[in-house]
Amino acid sequence: MTGRVTIDQAIAKAKMTVHLPATCIMFAAWGQALILVPSGLLPPLFTFMSMAVAVSGWPLAWMYRAYMTPRWKLWAYSGAGNVQQMKAAAIVAKVIGPDNGFAEKSEICSKDMRAQILRLEGRA
């Protein structure tokens, strides 16, 4: 990373690359069922599939967040002047969860990425 990242820039990027897509995934899954199922025009198999997609919307959104959050952390912490301030602001903005919380434990990343994040946070 060549340039510094401000807290506001990092939070804005998290909202655009983590929160917004996850929200879109969830609402798209629900929306397609709300549009297709009440019409009654679908064969039973497609109605069932539509409902299955609707039910899977929240877990899919969670998986997306779990995959993207550590990548955002690595980018934000690498460019931050003060990692602790960045982390505190991200927790307040609900971009990340507290240390050792369920959200952090469910993050999907390699051991190397996890080690880099912990080193940048000063917990390694």
Protein backbone atom coordinates (compact mmCIF):
# COMPACT_ATOMS: atom_id res chain seq x y z
CA MET A 1 0.00 0.00 0.00
CA THR A 2 1.56 3.26 -1.04
CA GLY A 3 -0.81 5.90 0.35
CA ARG A 4 -2.41 6.51 3.68
CA VAL A 5 -6.07 5.76 4.18
CA THR A 6 -8.22 8.00 6.35
CA ILE A 7 -10.80 6.53 8.67
CA ASP A 8 -13.62 8.12 6.67
CA GLN A 9 -12.27 6.66 3.42
CA ALA A 10 -11.97 3.21 4.95
CA ILE A 11 -15.48 3.27 6.44
CA ALA A 12 -16.93 4.49 3.13
CA LYS A 13 -15.15 1.71 1.25
CA ALA A 14 -16.44 -0.88 3.73
CA LYS A 15 -19.98 0.33 3.23
CA MET A 16 -19.62 0.11 -0.56
CA THR A 17 -17.72 -3.19 -0.77
CA VAL A 18 -19.02 -5.12 2.23
CA HIS A 19 -22.35 -3.77 3.49
CA LEU A 20 -24.07 -2.74 0.27
CA PRO A 21 -23.44 -5.98 -1.67
CA ALA A 22 -24.43 -8.11 1.34
CA THR A 23 -27.65 -6.13 1.71
CA CYS A 24 -28.36 -6.48 -2.01
CA ILE A 25 -27.82 -10.25 -1.84
CA MET A 26 -30.28 -10.54 1.03
CA PHE A 27 -32.98 -8.32 -0.46
CA ALA A 28 -32.63 -9.85 -3.94
CA ALA A 29 -33.17 -13.31 -2.48
CA TRP A 30 -36.26 -12.18 -0.60
CA GLY A 31 -37.52 -9.96 -3.42
CA GLN A 32 -37.55 -12.64 -6.07
CA ALA A 33 -39.72 -14.83 -3.83
CA LEU A 34 -42.08 -11.96 -3.00
CA ILE A 35 -42.54 -11.32 -6.71
CA LEU A 36 -42.63 -14.86 -8.09
CA VAL A 37 -44.40 -16.94 -5.45
CA PRO A 38 -47.60 -14.88 -4.96
CA SER A 39 -48.16 -14.76 -8.73
CA GLY A 40 -49.13 -18.43 -8.67
CA LEU A 41 -47.80 -18.90 -12.19
CA LEU A 42 -44.82 -21.01 -11.21
CA PRO A 43 -44.87 -24.80 -11.23
CA PRO A 44 -44.55 -26.28 -7.72
CA LEU A 45 -40.89 -27.19 -8.20
CA PHE A 46 -39.98 -23.60 -9.11
CA THR A 47 -42.05 -22.26 -6.23
CA PHE A 48 -40.08 -24.51 -3.88
CA MET A 49 -36.79 -23.40 -5.46
CA SER A 50 -37.81 -19.75 -5.15
CA MET A 51 -38.59 -20.20 -1.47
CA ALA A 52 -35.27 -22.02 -0.95
CA VAL A 53 -33.41 -19.08 -2.49
CA ALA A 54 -35.37 -16.69 -0.25
CA VAL A 55 -34.48 -18.65 2.88
CA SER A 56 -30.82 -18.82 1.85
CA GLY A 57 -30.57 -15.03 1.40
CA TRP A 58 -29.45 -14.27 4.94
CA PRO A 59 -26.81 -17.05 5.11
CA LEU A 60 -25.46 -16.06 1.69
CA ALA A 61 -25.20 -12.43 2.79
CA TRP A 62 -23.43 -13.53 5.99
CA MET A 63 -20.97 -15.64 3.99
CA TYR A 64 -20.24 -12.71 1.70
CA ARG A 65 -19.56 -10.47 4.70
CA ALA A 66 -17.45 -13.17 6.35
CA TYR A 67 -15.35 -13.42 3.18
CA MET A 68 -14.98 -9.69 2.46
CA THR A 69 -14.45 -8.31 5.98
CA PRO A 70 -10.93 -9.70 6.51
CA ARG A 71 -9.91 -8.43 3.08
CA TRP A 72 -11.21 -4.98 3.99
CA LYS A 73 -9.40 -5.15 7.35
CA LEU A 74 -6.11 -6.00 5.67
CA TRP A 75 -6.49 -3.12 3.20
CA ALA A 76 -7.62 -0.61 5.83
CA TYR A 77 -5.08 -1.56 8.48
CA SER A 78 -2.22 -1.62 5.96
CA GLY A 79 -2.92 1.99 5.00
CA ALA A 80 -3.93 3.29 8.40
CA GLY A 81 -1.76 5.70 10.30
CA ASN A 82 -3.19 4.45 13.59
CA VAL A 83 -4.64 0.94 13.42
CA GLN A 84 -6.27 1.16 16.86
CA GLN A 85 -8.21 4.30 15.89
CA MET A 86 -9.23 2.68 12.60
CA LYS A 87 -10.40 -0.43 14.41
CA ALA A 88 -12.34 1.53 17.04
CA ALA A 89 -14.05 3.63 14.36
CA ALA A 90 -14.90 0.48 12.38
CA ILE A 91 -16.49 -1.12 15.45
CA VAL A 92 -18.54 2.03 16.15
CA ALA A 93 -19.64 2.14 12.48
CA LYS A 94 -20.55 -1.58 12.73
CA VAL A 95 -18.17 -2.47 9.93
CA ILE A 96 -16.51 -5.09 12.12
CA GLY A 97 -17.42 -6.74 15.38
CA PRO A 98 -15.52 -6.68 18.67
CA ASP A 99 -12.46 -8.85 19.24
CA ASN A 100 -13.26 -12.56 19.57
CA GLY A 101 -16.92 -11.93 18.78
CA PHE A 102 -19.02 -14.21 16.59
CA ALA A 103 -18.52 -12.01 13.52
CA GLU A 104 -14.74 -12.16 13.87
CA LYS A 105 -14.74 -15.89 14.50
CA SER A 106 -16.81 -16.50 11.37
CA GLU A 107 -14.48 -14.55 9.05
CA ILE A 108 -13.28 -16.59 6.08
CA CYS A 109 -9.57 -16.13 5.39
CA SER A 110 -6.32 -18.03 5.21
CA LYS A 111 -4.07 -18.51 8.23
CA ASP A 112 -1.54 -16.17 6.64
CA MET A 113 -4.13 -13.42 6.21
CA ARG A 114 -5.34 -13.92 9.79
CA ALA A 115 -1.73 -13.68 11.02
CA GLN A 116 -1.19 -10.45 9.04
CA ILE A 117 -4.36 -8.90 10.47
CA LEU A 118 -3.45 -9.89 14.03
CA ARG A 119 0.08 -8.51 13.55
CA LEU A 120 -1.28 -5.20 12.26
CA GLU A 121 -3.72 -5.04 15.19
CA GLY A 122 -0.89 -5.76 17.61
CA ARG A 123 -2.48 -8.97 18.89
CA ALA A 124 0.08 -11.40 17.43
